[in-house]
Amino acid sequence: MNLNKFQITVQNIDMTGDKTKTDAHLHNHPYVVAITLMGSPIFFQETHYYTKEARAKIKPLLATYKKHRAEMYQGYVFPMGDEPDNSQWTGFQNHHLEKNTGYLLIFRELNNHEVSKEVALKHVRAAEIRLTDLMTNEKRVVRMNGSNVVFDIDEPADYRFFRYEVLD
């Protein structure tokens, strides 16, 4: 089954309760919402429970997601990076086999100390790909090492949301 066919509940980090049993409060709202975007995110706990500040932080991410959602539903979702354990680089790749394009959600977890990481992409073996950071609209051409790409995220508990195109 393809992950984008599943509904995934979004956690409101302000409603997690006992902070000794979870570290959700150590993440920001966009990070927590981004985790769900390769599926079909649902805000089970109703959005009116979000603070005005939280909604303002989530709004740009959801607006970007909505622009790309239809194309994302045409792709196949694969895990990427390491298995999540709160100290890894992990994420999801959404690849459109016919178009040779896709989306990446890459997470540098809370207890990770590496500012950069080489991560393998599935079904992509090219010399170069064009990455577009969907949150900043910054575009860059990245040279691949086989099927691997190096990503940088300066701070832990942060993420990047990219669209990619294979250039050769």
N, C-alpha and C. Protein backbone atom coordinates (compact mmCIF):
# COMPACT_ATOMS: atom_id res chain seq x y z
N MET A 1 0.83 -1.19 0.00
CA MET A 1 0.00 0.00 0.00
C MET A 1 0.88 1.25 0.00
N ASN A 2 0.38 2.26 -0.65
CA ASN A 2 1.08 3.53 -0.75
C ASN A 2 0.68 4.41 0.43
N LEU A 3 1.66 5.00 1.12
CA LEU A 3 1.40 5.82 2.30
C LEU A 3 0.43 6.96 2.01
N ASN A 4 0.45 7.50 0.78
CA ASN A 4 -0.42 8.64 0.50
C ASN A 4 -1.90 8.25 0.41
N LYS A 5 -2.21 6.99 0.60
CA LYS A 5 -3.60 6.52 0.65
C LYS A 5 -4.12 6.44 2.08
N PHE A 6 -3.27 6.71 3.06
CA PHE A 6 -3.64 6.59 4.47
C PHE A 6 -3.85 7.96 5.10
N GLN A 7 -4.83 8.05 5.98
CA GLN A 7 -5.02 9.26 6.77
C GLN A 7 -4.09 9.20 7.97
N ILE A 8 -3.40 10.29 8.23
CA ILE A 8 -2.44 10.36 9.33
C ILE A 8 -2.83 11.53 10.22
N THR A 9 -2.99 11.23 11.50
CA THR A 9 -3.43 12.24 12.46
C THR A 9 -2.30 13.19 12.79
N VAL A 10 -2.61 14.48 12.80
CA VAL A 10 -1.67 15.52 13.18
C VAL A 10 -1.78 15.74 14.69
N GLN A 11 -0.65 15.78 15.36
CA GLN A 11 -0.63 16.00 16.81
C GLN A 11 -0.50 17.49 17.10
N ASN A 12 -1.35 17.99 17.97
CA ASN A 12 -1.23 19.37 18.45
C ASN A 12 -0.29 19.32 19.65
N ILE A 13 0.91 19.84 19.49
CA ILE A 13 1.92 19.73 20.55
C ILE A 13 1.53 20.49 21.81
N ASP A 14 0.61 21.42 21.70
CA ASP A 14 0.16 22.16 22.88
C ASP A 14 -0.83 21.34 23.72
N MET A 15 -1.30 20.22 23.18
CA MET A 15 -2.31 19.41 23.87
C MET A 15 -1.75 18.06 24.32
N THR A 16 -0.45 17.92 24.42
CA THR A 16 0.13 16.61 24.72
C THR A 16 0.08 16.22 26.18
N GLY A 17 -0.26 17.12 27.06
CA GLY A 17 -0.43 16.75 28.47
C GLY A 17 0.89 16.59 29.20
N ASP A 18 1.08 15.46 29.83
CA ASP A 18 2.22 15.18 30.70
C ASP A 18 3.53 15.23 29.91
N LYS A 19 4.29 16.28 30.10
CA LYS A 19 5.54 16.48 29.35
C LYS A 19 6.66 15.54 29.79
N THR A 20 6.46 14.78 30.85
CA THR A 20 7.45 13.77 31.25
C THR A 20 7.30 12.50 30.42
N LYS A 21 6.19 12.36 29.69
CA LYS A 21 5.94 11.16 28.90
C LYS A 21 6.12 11.37 27.40
N THR A 22 6.39 12.60 27.00
CA THR A 22 6.56 12.90 25.58
C THR A 22 7.51 14.08 25.41
N ASP A 23 8.18 14.10 24.27
CA ASP A 23 9.01 15.27 23.96
C ASP A 23 8.40 16.08 22.81
N ALA A 24 7.13 15.86 22.53
CA ALA A 24 6.46 16.57 21.44
C ALA A 24 6.58 18.08 21.60
N HIS A 25 6.51 18.56 22.83
CA HIS A 25 6.58 20.00 23.08
C HIS A 25 7.95 20.60 22.73
N LEU A 26 8.95 19.76 22.49
CA LEU A 26 10.28 20.24 22.10
C LEU A 26 10.39 20.47 20.59
N HIS A 27 9.34 20.16 19.86
CA HIS A 27 9.29 20.36 18.41
C HIS A 27 8.37 21.54 18.12
N ASN A 28 8.50 22.10 16.91
CA ASN A 28 7.60 23.19 16.55
C ASN A 28 6.40 22.64 15.77
N HIS A 29 5.37 23.44 15.67
CA HIS A 29 4.14 23.00 15.01
C HIS A 29 4.36 22.60 13.55
N PRO A 30 5.08 23.38 12.74
CA PRO A 30 5.28 22.96 11.35
C PRO A 30 5.99 21.61 11.23
N TYR A 31 6.97 21.34 12.07
CA TYR A 31 7.68 20.05 12.05
C TYR A 31 6.69 18.90 12.26
N VAL A 32 5.84 19.04 13.25
CA VAL A 32 4.88 17.98 13.58
C VAL A 32 3.87 17.80 12.46
N VAL A 33 3.41 18.87 11.85
CA VAL A 33 2.48 18.77 10.72
C VAL A 33 3.18 18.15 9.51
N ALA A 34 4.42 18.54 9.24
CA ALA A 34 5.16 18.04 8.08
C ALA A 34 5.28 16.52 8.10
N ILE A 35 5.39 15.94 9.28
CA ILE A 35 5.52 14.48 9.39
C ILE A 35 4.36 13.77 8.70
N THR A 36 3.20 14.40 8.65
CA THR A 36 1.99 13.75 8.11
C THR A 36 1.77 13.99 6.62
N LEU A 37 2.53 14.86 5.99
CA LEU A 37 2.19 15.34 4.65
C LEU A 37 2.37 14.33 3.52
N MET A 38 3.09 13.26 3.71
CA MET A 38 3.19 12.26 2.65
C MET A 38 2.00 11.30 2.67
N GLY A 39 1.18 11.40 3.70
CA GLY A 39 -0.10 10.69 3.75
C GLY A 39 -1.20 11.70 3.48
N SER A 40 -2.36 11.46 4.06
CA SER A 40 -3.46 12.42 4.01
C SER A 40 -3.65 12.95 5.42
N PRO A 41 -3.09 14.13 5.72
CA PRO A 41 -3.15 14.62 7.10
C PRO A 41 -4.57 14.96 7.53
N ILE A 42 -4.89 14.57 8.77
CA ILE A 42 -6.18 14.95 9.34
C ILE A 42 -5.92 15.60 10.70
N PHE A 43 -6.62 16.69 10.93
CA PHE A 43 -6.51 17.42 12.19
C PHE A 43 -7.63 16.92 13.11
N PHE A 44 -7.44 15.71 13.62
CA PHE A 44 -8.46 15.03 14.41
C PHE A 44 -8.92 15.87 15.59
N GLN A 45 -8.00 16.62 16.19
CA GLN A 45 -8.35 17.39 17.38
C GLN A 45 -8.79 18.80 17.02
N GLU A 46 -9.42 18.99 15.91
CA GLU A 46 -10.00 20.26 15.48
C GLU A 46 -9.04 21.44 15.60
N THR A 47 -8.99 22.19 14.55
CA THR A 47 -8.02 23.29 14.48
C THR A 47 -8.31 24.43 15.44
N HIS A 48 -9.52 24.55 15.96
CA HIS A 48 -9.80 25.66 16.88
C HIS A 48 -9.05 25.51 18.21
N TYR A 49 -8.48 24.34 18.46
CA TYR A 49 -7.66 24.15 19.66
C TYR A 49 -6.24 24.69 19.50
N TYR A 50 -5.86 25.03 18.29
CA TYR A 50 -4.55 25.63 18.07
C TYR A 50 -4.58 27.10 18.47
N THR A 51 -3.49 27.56 19.04
CA THR A 51 -3.39 28.99 19.35
C THR A 51 -3.28 29.77 18.05
N LYS A 52 -3.53 31.05 18.15
CA LYS A 52 -3.40 31.93 16.98
C LYS A 52 -1.97 31.86 16.44
N GLU A 53 -0.99 31.84 17.33
CA GLU A 53 0.43 31.77 16.93
C GLU A 53 0.73 30.45 16.22
N ALA A 54 0.20 29.35 16.75
CA ALA A 54 0.43 28.04 16.13
C ALA A 54 -0.18 28.00 14.73
N ARG A 55 -1.41 28.50 14.59
CA ARG A 55 -2.05 28.52 13.27
C ARG A 55 -1.24 29.35 12.28
N ALA A 56 -0.69 30.46 12.74
CA ALA A 56 0.12 31.32 11.86
C ALA A 56 1.38 30.60 11.40
N LYS A 57 1.96 29.76 12.24
CA LYS A 57 3.17 29.01 11.86
C LYS A 57 2.85 27.86 10.91
N ILE A 58 1.70 27.23 11.08
CA ILE A 58 1.31 26.08 10.26
C ILE A 58 0.79 26.51 8.89
N LYS A 59 0.14 27.66 8.83
CA LYS A 59 -0.55 28.11 7.62
C LYS A 59 0.33 28.11 6.36
N PRO A 60 1.57 28.64 6.38
CA PRO A 60 2.38 28.62 5.15
C PRO A 60 2.70 27.20 4.68
N LEU A 61 2.94 26.28 5.61
CA LEU A 61 3.23 24.90 5.24
C LEU A 61 2.02 24.25 4.59
N LEU A 62 0.85 24.42 5.17
CA LEU A 62 -0.35 23.83 4.59
C LEU A 62 -0.70 24.46 3.25
N ALA A 63 -0.48 25.75 3.09
CA ALA A 63 -0.74 26.41 1.80
C ALA A 63 0.17 25.82 0.72
N THR A 64 1.43 25.61 1.06
CA THR A 64 2.38 25.00 0.12
C THR A 64 1.97 23.58 -0.20
N TYR A 65 1.63 22.81 0.81
CA TYR A 65 1.20 21.43 0.62
C TYR A 65 -0.01 21.36 -0.32
N LYS A 66 -0.98 22.23 -0.11
CA LYS A 66 -2.20 22.21 -0.93
C LYS A 66 -1.90 22.48 -2.40
N LYS A 67 -0.88 23.30 -2.68
CA LYS A 67 -0.50 23.57 -4.08
C LYS A 67 0.06 22.32 -4.76
N HIS A 68 0.66 21.44 -4.00
CA HIS A 68 1.35 20.27 -4.57
C HIS A 68 0.64 18.95 -4.29
N ARG A 69 -0.41 18.98 -3.51
CA ARG A 69 -1.09 17.76 -3.06
C ARG A 69 -1.53 16.86 -4.21
N ALA A 70 -2.15 17.39 -5.23
CA ALA A 70 -2.65 16.57 -6.34
C ALA A 70 -1.51 15.82 -7.01
N GLU A 71 -0.40 16.51 -7.25
CA GLU A 71 0.76 15.84 -7.86
C GLU A 71 1.36 14.81 -6.91
N MET A 72 1.38 15.11 -5.63
CA MET A 72 1.93 14.17 -4.65
C MET A 72 1.10 12.89 -4.60
N TYR A 73 -0.20 12.99 -4.79
CA TYR A 73 -1.05 11.80 -4.76
C TYR A 73 -0.79 10.88 -5.95
N GLN A 74 -0.12 11.38 -6.98
CA GLN A 74 0.21 10.56 -8.15
C GLN A 74 1.50 9.76 -7.96
N GLY A 75 2.28 10.10 -6.94
CA GLY A 75 3.56 9.44 -6.72
C GLY A 75 3.46 8.28 -5.75
N TYR A 76 4.58 7.59 -5.58
CA TYR A 76 4.70 6.50 -4.62
C TYR A 76 5.62 6.95 -3.50
N VAL A 77 5.25 6.65 -2.27
CA VAL A 77 5.99 7.12 -1.11
C VAL A 77 6.89 6.01 -0.57
N PHE A 78 8.14 6.39 -0.31
CA PHE A 78 9.14 5.47 0.24
C PHE A 78 9.79 6.12 1.46
N PRO A 79 10.15 5.31 2.46
CA PRO A 79 10.95 5.86 3.56
C PRO A 79 12.34 6.18 3.06
N MET A 80 12.99 7.13 3.68
CA MET A 80 14.37 7.45 3.32
C MET A 80 15.16 7.77 4.58
N GLY A 81 16.46 7.69 4.47
CA GLY A 81 17.31 7.95 5.62
C GLY A 81 17.29 6.78 6.58
N ASP A 82 17.51 7.09 7.84
CA ASP A 82 17.58 6.06 8.88
C ASP A 82 16.23 5.89 9.56
N GLU A 83 16.07 4.75 10.23
CA GLU A 83 14.85 4.51 10.98
C GLU A 83 14.75 5.53 12.11
N PRO A 84 13.62 6.20 12.24
CA PRO A 84 13.50 7.25 13.26
C PRO A 84 13.65 6.69 14.67
N ASP A 85 14.46 7.39 15.47
CA ASP A 85 14.59 7.06 16.90
C ASP A 85 14.89 8.32 17.70
N ASN A 86 14.62 9.46 17.09
CA ASN A 86 14.83 10.79 17.67
C ASN A 86 16.28 11.25 17.62
N SER A 87 17.14 10.52 16.89
CA SER A 87 18.54 10.96 16.76
C SER A 87 19.06 10.80 15.33
N GLN A 88 18.17 10.66 14.37
CA GLN A 88 18.56 10.33 13.00
C GLN A 88 18.21 11.44 12.01
N TRP A 89 18.66 11.22 10.78
CA TRP A 89 18.14 11.91 9.60
C TRP A 89 17.18 10.91 8.98
N THR A 90 15.95 11.31 8.80
CA THR A 90 14.94 10.40 8.30
C THR A 90 13.96 11.17 7.43
N GLY A 91 13.03 10.49 6.82
CA GLY A 91 12.04 11.21 6.04
C GLY A 91 11.34 10.33 5.04
N PHE A 92 10.76 11.00 4.04
CA PHE A 92 9.98 10.33 3.02
C PHE A 92 10.32 10.89 1.64
N GLN A 93 10.31 10.00 0.67
CA GLN A 93 10.46 10.37 -0.73
C GLN A 93 9.17 9.99 -1.44
N ASN A 94 8.62 10.90 -2.20
CA ASN A 94 7.43 10.65 -3.01
C ASN A 94 7.90 10.75 -4.46
N HIS A 95 7.92 9.63 -5.17
CA HIS A 95 8.49 9.60 -6.52
C HIS A 95 7.42 9.28 -7.55
N HIS A 96 7.38 10.08 -8.61
CA HIS A 96 6.49 9.84 -9.75
C HIS A 96 7.31 9.10 -10.80
N LEU A 97 7.04 7.81 -10.98
CA LEU A 97 7.87 6.97 -11.83
C LEU A 97 7.89 7.43 -13.29
N GLU A 98 6.75 7.85 -13.84
CA GLU A 98 6.70 8.23 -15.25
C GLU A 98 7.37 9.58 -15.51
N LYS A 99 7.19 10.53 -14.61
CA LYS A 99 7.73 11.88 -14.81
C LYS A 99 9.16 12.03 -14.32
N ASN A 100 9.63 11.07 -13.50
CA ASN A 100 10.97 11.14 -12.91
C ASN A 100 11.16 12.42 -12.09
N THR A 101 10.11 12.74 -11.34
CA THR A 101 10.11 13.88 -10.43
C THR A 101 9.59 13.39 -9.08
N GLY A 102 9.63 14.26 -8.09
CA GLY A 102 9.07 13.85 -6.82
C GLY A 102 9.22 14.90 -5.74
N TYR A 103 8.94 14.47 -4.53
CA TYR A 103 8.97 15.33 -3.35
C TYR A 103 9.75 14.64 -2.25
N LEU A 104 10.39 15.45 -1.43
CA LEU A 104 11.15 14.94 -0.29
C LEU A 104 10.75 15.70 0.96
N LEU A 105 10.52 14.98 2.02
CA LEU A 105 10.39 15.56 3.36
C LEU A 105 11.51 14.95 4.17
N ILE A 106 12.45 15.78 4.58
CA ILE A 106 13.65 15.32 5.27
C ILE A 106 13.64 15.92 6.67
N PHE A 107 13.87 15.07 7.66
CA PHE A 107 13.84 15.50 9.05
C PHE A 107 15.19 15.23 9.71
N ARG A 108 15.72 16.26 10.36
CA ARG A 108 16.86 16.09 11.25
C ARG A 108 16.25 16.03 12.65
N GLU A 109 16.34 14.88 13.27
CA GLU A 109 15.64 14.67 14.52
C GLU A 109 16.28 15.42 15.69
N LEU A 110 15.52 15.51 16.76
CA LEU A 110 15.84 16.33 17.93
C LEU A 110 17.23 16.08 18.51
N ASN A 111 17.64 14.84 18.64
CA ASN A 111 18.92 14.51 19.28
C ASN A 111 20.03 14.19 18.29
N ASN A 112 19.90 14.70 17.07
CA ASN A 112 20.91 14.47 16.04
C ASN A 112 21.93 15.60 16.07
N HIS A 113 23.21 15.25 15.94
CA HIS A 113 24.29 16.24 16.01
C HIS A 113 24.98 16.49 14.66
N GLU A 114 24.48 15.88 13.59
CA GLU A 114 25.08 16.05 12.26
C GLU A 114 24.37 17.17 11.50
N VAL A 115 25.13 18.15 11.05
CA VAL A 115 24.56 19.27 10.30
C VAL A 115 24.25 18.87 8.86
N SER A 116 24.95 17.87 8.33
CA SER A 116 24.68 17.40 6.98
C SER A 116 24.67 15.88 6.96
N LYS A 117 24.01 15.34 5.95
CA LYS A 117 23.88 13.88 5.85
C LYS A 117 23.68 13.50 4.39
N GLU A 118 24.36 12.43 3.97
CA GLU A 118 24.15 11.87 2.65
C GLU A 118 23.03 10.85 2.75
N VAL A 119 22.01 11.02 1.92
CA VAL A 119 20.81 10.18 1.97
C VAL A 119 20.55 9.61 0.58
N ALA A 120 20.19 8.34 0.52
CA ALA A 120 19.89 7.67 -0.75
C ALA A 120 18.45 7.93 -1.17
N LEU A 121 18.26 8.14 -2.48
CA LEU A 121 16.94 8.26 -3.07
C LEU A 121 16.64 6.99 -3.85
N LYS A 122 15.41 6.57 -3.83
CA LYS A 122 15.00 5.38 -4.58
C LYS A 122 14.59 5.80 -6.00
N HIS A 123 14.91 4.94 -6.97
CA HIS A 123 14.52 5.12 -8.37
C HIS A 123 15.14 6.36 -9.02
N VAL A 124 16.17 6.90 -8.40
CA VAL A 124 16.86 8.07 -8.98
C VAL A 124 18.34 7.76 -9.01
N ARG A 125 18.85 7.60 -10.23
CA ARG A 125 20.28 7.45 -10.43
C ARG A 125 20.63 8.41 -11.54
N ALA A 126 21.15 9.54 -11.15
CA ALA A 126 21.41 10.60 -12.12
C ALA A 126 22.67 11.34 -11.70
N ALA A 127 23.19 12.12 -12.62
CA ALA A 127 24.33 12.96 -12.27
C ALA A 127 23.87 14.15 -11.44
N GLU A 128 22.71 14.70 -11.82
CA GLU A 128 22.23 15.90 -11.14
C GLU A 128 20.71 15.88 -11.02
N ILE A 129 20.23 16.54 -9.96
CA ILE A 129 18.81 16.81 -9.81
C ILE A 129 18.63 18.28 -9.45
N ARG A 130 17.47 18.82 -9.81
CA ARG A 130 17.13 20.18 -9.40
C ARG A 130 16.23 20.08 -8.17
N LEU A 131 16.66 20.70 -7.09
CA LEU A 131 15.88 20.74 -5.86
C LEU A 131 15.25 22.12 -5.71
N THR A 132 13.98 22.14 -5.39
CA THR A 132 13.29 23.38 -5.05
C THR A 132 12.81 23.26 -3.62
N ASP A 133 13.31 24.14 -2.76
CA ASP A 133 12.82 24.19 -1.38
C ASP A 133 11.44 24.84 -1.44
N LEU A 134 10.42 24.07 -1.15
CA LEU A 134 9.05 24.55 -1.33
C LEU A 134 8.65 25.63 -0.33
N MET A 135 9.39 25.76 0.76
CA MET A 135 9.06 26.79 1.75
C MET A 135 9.74 28.12 1.45
N THR A 136 10.87 28.09 0.74
CA THR A 136 11.59 29.34 0.43
C THR A 136 11.59 29.64 -1.07
N ASN A 137 11.23 28.66 -1.88
CA ASN A 137 11.29 28.71 -3.34
C ASN A 137 12.72 28.81 -3.88
N GLU A 138 13.70 28.53 -3.04
CA GLU A 138 15.09 28.50 -3.48
C GLU A 138 15.31 27.26 -4.35
N LYS A 139 15.92 27.47 -5.52
CA LYS A 139 16.20 26.37 -6.44
C LYS A 139 17.71 26.19 -6.53
N ARG A 140 18.12 24.92 -6.63
CA ARG A 140 19.54 24.65 -6.82
C ARG A 140 19.70 23.31 -7.51
N VAL A 141 20.78 23.20 -8.26
CA VAL A 141 21.13 21.94 -8.91
C VAL A 141 22.13 21.24 -8.01
N VAL A 142 21.85 19.97 -7.75
CA VAL A 142 22.67 19.18 -6.82
C VAL A 142 23.27 18.01 -7.57
N ARG A 143 24.57 17.84 -7.42
CA ARG A 143 25.27 16.69 -8.01
C ARG A 143 25.05 15.49 -7.09
N MET A 144 24.68 14.37 -7.70
CA MET A 144 24.43 13.15 -6.94
C MET A 144 25.67 12.27 -6.91
N ASN A 145 25.77 11.47 -5.89
CA ASN A 145 26.81 10.45 -5.75
C ASN A 145 26.10 9.10 -5.89
N GLY A 146 25.97 8.63 -7.14
CA GLY A 146 25.16 7.44 -7.38
C GLY A 146 23.70 7.80 -7.19
N SER A 147 23.07 7.21 -6.19
CA SER A 147 21.68 7.57 -5.87
C SER A 147 21.61 8.41 -4.60
N ASN A 148 22.75 8.90 -4.13
CA ASN A 148 22.81 9.65 -2.87
C ASN A 148 22.91 11.15 -3.09
N VAL A 149 22.32 11.89 -2.15
CA VAL A 149 22.36 13.35 -2.15
C VAL A 149 22.71 13.80 -0.74
N VAL A 150 23.52 14.85 -0.64
CA VAL A 150 23.86 15.42 0.67
C VAL A 150 22.89 16.56 0.97
N PHE A 151 22.31 16.51 2.17
CA PHE A 151 21.40 17.55 2.64
C PHE A 151 21.98 18.21 3.87
N ASP A 152 21.66 19.49 4.05
CA ASP A 152 22.09 20.26 5.22
C ASP A 152 20.87 20.82 5.93
N ILE A 153 20.85 20.65 7.24
CA ILE A 153 19.86 21.30 8.10
C ILE A 153 20.63 21.76 9.33
N ASP A 154 20.69 23.06 9.54
CA ASP A 154 21.55 23.62 10.58
C ASP A 154 21.16 23.23 12.00
N GLU A 155 19.87 23.14 12.27
CA GLU A 155 19.40 22.91 13.64
C GLU A 155 18.68 21.57 13.75
N PRO A 156 18.82 20.88 14.89
CA PRO A 156 18.03 19.67 15.11
C PRO A 156 16.55 20.01 15.28
N ALA A 157 15.71 19.00 15.15
CA ALA A 157 14.25 19.16 15.22
C ALA A 157 13.78 20.13 14.15
N ASP A 158 14.33 19.98 12.94
CA ASP A 158 13.94 20.82 11.81
C ASP A 158 13.76 19.91 10.59
N TYR A 159 13.20 20.45 9.54
CA TYR A 159 12.89 19.66 8.35
C TYR A 159 13.05 20.52 7.11
N ARG A 160 13.05 19.84 5.96
CA ARG A 160 13.02 20.50 4.65
C ARG A 160 11.98 19.79 3.79
N PHE A 161 11.29 20.58 2.98
CA PHE A 161 10.26 20.08 2.07
C PHE A 161 10.68 20.49 0.67
N PHE A 162 11.08 19.51 -0.15
CA PHE A 162 11.61 19.77 -1.48
C PHE A 162 10.74 19.14 -2.56
N ARG A 163 10.79 19.74 -3.74
CA ARG A 163 10.37 19.08 -4.98
C ARG A 163 11.65 18.86 -5.77
N TYR A 164 11.75 17.71 -6.44
CA TYR A 164 12.95 17.46 -7.24
C TYR A 164 12.59 17.04 -8.66
N GLU A 165 13.52 17.32 -9.56
CA GLU A 165 13.42 16.91 -10.96
C GLU A 165 14.76 16.31 -11.35
N VAL A 166 14.73 15.14 -11.98
CA VAL A 166 15.94 14.52 -12.49
C VAL A 166 16.34 15.25 -13.76
N LEU A 167 17.62 15.66 -13.87
CA LEU A 167 18.06 16.48 -15.00
C LEU A 167 18.69 15.69 -16.14
N ASP A 168 18.98 14.42 -15.94
CA ASP A 168 19.54 13.68 -17.09
C ASP A 168 18.98 12.29 -17.18
